[in-house]
Amino acid sequence: MGFVHLYKEKESFKEMRLSFWPLTVLGVLTAVSFTASMYAFQYGSTSYVLAIRSLGYIMAGLYGVAILNEVLSKRKIITLVCFFIWCCGFGFCLEIFTYKIRKSLSCKE
């Protein structure tokens, strides 16, 4: 709030007042999303949770194309496909790595 007065941007308060409810809903949804991801880490396999959370970037790209009418270029398609393959591979490789660690730790006991 102090920066608003420092830079003499009092007009932005009017814009913030108009956007109060969308910003409030966005804040609540962000809090719910964070809480859900923490529960997922607590009760699920970390590798799968990380892979699923990484898919959010793909969803953002698809959102841009579908809702914001961005151009679906060849470069964007290749990027989304490569990122999807990376997310799936990352989850699978991390699961194998953690399985081997758990197995080696259980053998030592």
C-alpha atoms as a PDB file:
ATOM      1  CA  MET A   1       0.000   0.000   0.000  1.00  0.00           C
ATOM      2  CA  GLY A   2       2.851   2.368   0.717  1.00  0.00           C
ATOM      3  CA  PHE A   3       4.152   2.061  -2.834  1.00  0.00           C
ATOM      4  CA  VAL A   4       0.803   3.241  -4.182  1.00  0.00           C
ATOM      5  CA  HIS A   5       1.220   6.557  -2.375  1.00  0.00           C
ATOM      6  CA  LEU A   6       4.924   6.724  -3.140  1.00  0.00           C
ATOM      7  CA  TYR A   7       4.409   6.438  -6.886  1.00  0.00           C
ATOM      8  CA  LYS A   8       1.136   8.430  -6.819  1.00  0.00           C
ATOM      9  CA  GLU A   9      -0.920   5.568  -8.234  1.00  0.00           C
ATOM     10  CA  LYS A  10      -4.144   6.215  -6.339  1.00  0.00           C
ATOM     11  CA  GLU A  11      -6.161   5.501  -9.484  1.00  0.00           C
ATOM     12  CA  SER A  12      -5.143   1.856  -9.271  1.00  0.00           C
ATOM     13  CA  PHE A  13      -7.262   1.548  -6.101  1.00  0.00           C
ATOM     14  CA  LYS A  14     -10.329   2.067  -8.285  1.00  0.00           C
ATOM     15  CA  GLU A  15      -9.221  -0.773 -10.559  1.00  0.00           C
ATOM     16  CA  MET A  16      -8.514  -2.976  -7.547  1.00  0.00           C
ATOM     17  CA  ARG A  17     -11.986  -2.260  -6.194  1.00  0.00           C
ATOM     18  CA  LEU A  18     -13.529  -3.372  -9.477  1.00  0.00           C
ATOM     19  CA  SER A  19     -11.448  -6.554  -9.439  1.00  0.00           C
ATOM     20  CA  PHE A  20     -11.984  -7.359  -5.754  1.00  0.00           C
ATOM     21  CA  TRP A  21     -14.157 -10.461  -6.155  1.00  0.00           C
ATOM     22  CA  PRO A  22     -12.202 -12.065  -9.010  1.00  0.00           C
ATOM     23  CA  LEU A  23      -8.978 -11.526  -7.076  1.00  0.00           C
ATOM     24  CA  THR A  24     -10.553 -12.912  -3.898  1.00  0.00           C
ATOM     25  CA  VAL A  25     -11.777 -16.031  -5.715  1.00  0.00           C
ATOM     26  CA  LEU A  26      -8.354 -16.436  -7.300  1.00  0.00           C
ATOM     27  CA  GLY A  27      -6.701 -16.233  -3.869  1.00  0.00           C
ATOM     28  CA  VAL A  28      -9.076 -18.826  -2.406  1.00  0.00           C
ATOM     29  CA  LEU A  29      -8.523 -21.184  -5.344  1.00  0.00           C
ATOM     30  CA  THR A  30      -4.767 -20.800  -4.994  1.00  0.00           C
ATOM     31  CA  ALA A  31      -4.992 -21.693  -1.298  1.00  0.00           C
ATOM     32  CA  VAL A  32      -7.179 -24.724  -2.051  1.00  0.00           C
ATOM     33  CA  SER A  33      -4.782 -25.854  -4.790  1.00  0.00           C
ATOM     34  CA  PHE A  34      -1.774 -25.565  -2.481  1.00  0.00           C
ATOM     35  CA  THR A  35      -3.562 -27.459   0.296  1.00  0.00           C
ATOM     36  CA  ALA A  36      -4.588 -30.205  -2.119  1.00  0.00           C
ATOM     37  CA  SER A  37      -1.033 -30.586  -3.381  1.00  0.00           C
ATOM     38  CA  MET A  38       0.301 -30.852   0.180  1.00  0.00           C
ATOM     39  CA  TYR A  39      -2.247 -33.574   0.949  1.00  0.00           C
ATOM     40  CA  ALA A  40      -1.205 -35.334  -2.248  1.00  0.00           C
ATOM     41  CA  PHE A  41       2.422 -35.285  -1.124  1.00  0.00           C
ATOM     42  CA  GLN A  42       1.403 -36.647   2.262  1.00  0.00           C
ATOM     43  CA  TYR A  43      -0.741 -39.516   1.013  1.00  0.00           C
ATOM     44  CA  GLY A  44       0.591 -40.267  -2.473  1.00  0.00           C
ATOM     45  CA  SER A  45       3.795 -41.268  -4.122  1.00  0.00           C
ATOM     46  CA  THR A  46       6.043 -38.230  -4.508  1.00  0.00           C
ATOM     47  CA  SER A  47       7.071 -39.126  -8.039  1.00  0.00           C
ATOM     48  CA  TYR A  48       3.501 -39.303  -9.274  1.00  0.00           C
ATOM     49  CA  VAL A  49       2.501 -36.121  -7.471  1.00  0.00           C
ATOM     50  CA  LEU A  50       5.417 -34.228  -9.019  1.00  0.00           C
ATOM     51  CA  ALA A  51       4.590 -35.549 -12.472  1.00  0.00           C
ATOM     52  CA  ILE A  52       0.930 -34.567 -12.138  1.00  0.00           C
ATOM     53  CA  ARG A  53       1.832 -31.112 -10.839  1.00  0.00           C
ATOM     54  CA  SER A  54       4.136 -30.640 -13.825  1.00  0.00           C
ATOM     55  CA  LEU A  55       1.211 -31.285 -16.142  1.00  0.00           C
ATOM     56  CA  GLY A  56      -0.145 -27.914 -15.012  1.00  0.00           C
ATOM     57  CA  TYR A  57       2.248 -26.235 -17.432  1.00  0.00           C
ATOM     58  CA  ILE A  58       0.755 -28.229 -20.285  1.00  0.00           C
ATOM     59  CA  MET A  59      -2.707 -27.255 -19.133  1.00  0.00           C
ATOM     60  CA  ALA A  60      -1.644 -23.592 -19.142  1.00  0.00           C
ATOM     61  CA  GLY A  61      -0.431 -23.940 -22.727  1.00  0.00           C
ATOM     62  CA  LEU A  62      -3.670 -25.577 -23.811  1.00  0.00           C
ATOM     63  CA  TYR A  63      -5.644 -22.915 -21.931  1.00  0.00           C
ATOM     64  CA  GLY A  64      -3.822 -20.241 -23.888  1.00  0.00           C
ATOM     65  CA  VAL A  65      -4.733 -21.885 -27.171  1.00  0.00           C
ATOM     66  CA  ALA A  66      -8.336 -22.745 -26.308  1.00  0.00           C
ATOM     67  CA  ILE A  67      -9.459 -19.761 -24.226  1.00  0.00           C
ATOM     68  CA  LEU A  68      -7.084 -16.926 -25.099  1.00  0.00           C
ATOM     69  CA  ASN A  69      -7.011 -17.797 -28.828  1.00  0.00           C
ATOM     70  CA  GLU A  70      -3.237 -18.015 -29.056  1.00  0.00           C
ATOM     71  CA  VAL A  71      -1.759 -19.378 -32.245  1.00  0.00           C
ATOM     72  CA  LEU A  72      -1.035 -23.100 -32.135  1.00  0.00           C
ATOM     73  CA  SER A  73       2.259 -23.097 -33.968  1.00  0.00           C
ATOM     74  CA  LYS A  74       4.390 -26.083 -34.851  1.00  0.00           C
ATOM     75  CA  ARG A  75       6.905 -24.980 -32.212  1.00  0.00           C
ATOM     76  CA  LYS A  76       4.215 -24.884 -29.510  1.00  0.00           C
ATOM     77  CA  ILE A  77       2.942 -28.346 -30.445  1.00  0.00           C
ATOM     78  CA  ILE A  78       6.460 -29.797 -30.311  1.00  0.00           C
ATOM     79  CA  THR A  79       7.088 -28.092 -26.970  1.00  0.00           C
ATOM     80  CA  LEU A  80       3.859 -29.377 -25.418  1.00  0.00           C
ATOM     81  CA  VAL A  81       4.459 -32.928 -26.683  1.00  0.00           C
ATOM     82  CA  CYS A  82       8.063 -32.943 -25.441  1.00  0.00           C
ATOM     83  CA  PHE A  83       7.024 -31.563 -22.073  1.00  0.00           C
ATOM     84  CA  PHE A  84       4.283 -34.200 -21.766  1.00  0.00           C
ATOM     85  CA  ILE A  85       6.779 -36.961 -22.549  1.00  0.00           C
ATOM     86  CA  TRP A  86       9.208 -35.441 -20.047  1.00  0.00           C
ATOM     87  CA  CYS A  87       6.527 -35.318 -17.315  1.00  0.00           C
ATOM     88  CA  CYS A  88       5.579 -38.950 -17.843  1.00  0.00           C
ATOM     89  CA  GLY A  89       9.209 -40.048 -18.010  1.00  0.00           C
ATOM     90  CA  PHE A  90      10.138 -37.982 -14.965  1.00  0.00           C
ATOM     91  CA  GLY A  91       7.404 -39.589 -12.877  1.00  0.00           C
ATOM     92  CA  PHE A  92       8.311 -43.066 -14.057  1.00  0.00           C
ATOM     93  CA  CYS A  93      12.074 -42.641 -13.545  1.00  0.00           C
ATOM     94  CA  LEU A  94      11.616 -41.069 -10.133  1.00  0.00           C
ATOM     95  CA  GLU A  95       9.364 -43.937  -9.094  1.00  0.00           C
ATOM     96  CA  ILE A  96      12.006 -46.487 -10.167  1.00  0.00           C
ATOM     97  CA  PHE A  97      14.723 -44.533  -8.342  1.00  0.00           C
ATOM     98  CA  THR A  98      12.719 -44.286  -5.096  1.00  0.00           C
ATOM     99  CA  TYR A  99      11.742 -47.959  -5.365  1.00  0.00           C
ATOM    100  CA  LYS A 100      15.412 -48.949  -5.570  1.00  0.00           C
ATOM    101  CA  ILE A 101      16.260 -46.768  -2.575  1.00  0.00           C
ATOM    102  CA  ARG A 102      13.407 -48.216  -0.520  1.00  0.00           C
ATOM    103  CA  LYS A 103      14.446 -51.718  -1.501  1.00  0.00           C
ATOM    104  CA  SER A 104      18.078 -51.130  -0.556  1.00  0.00           C
ATOM    105  CA  LEU A 105      17.074 -49.584   2.769  1.00  0.00           C
ATOM    106  CA  SER A 106      14.770 -52.493   3.609  1.00  0.00           C
ATOM    107  CA  CYS A 107      17.574 -54.990   2.865  1.00  0.00           C
ATOM    108  CA  LYS A 108      19.906 -53.269   5.352  1.00  0.00           C
ATOM    109  CA  GLU A 109      17.475 -53.622   8.232  1.00  0.00           C
END
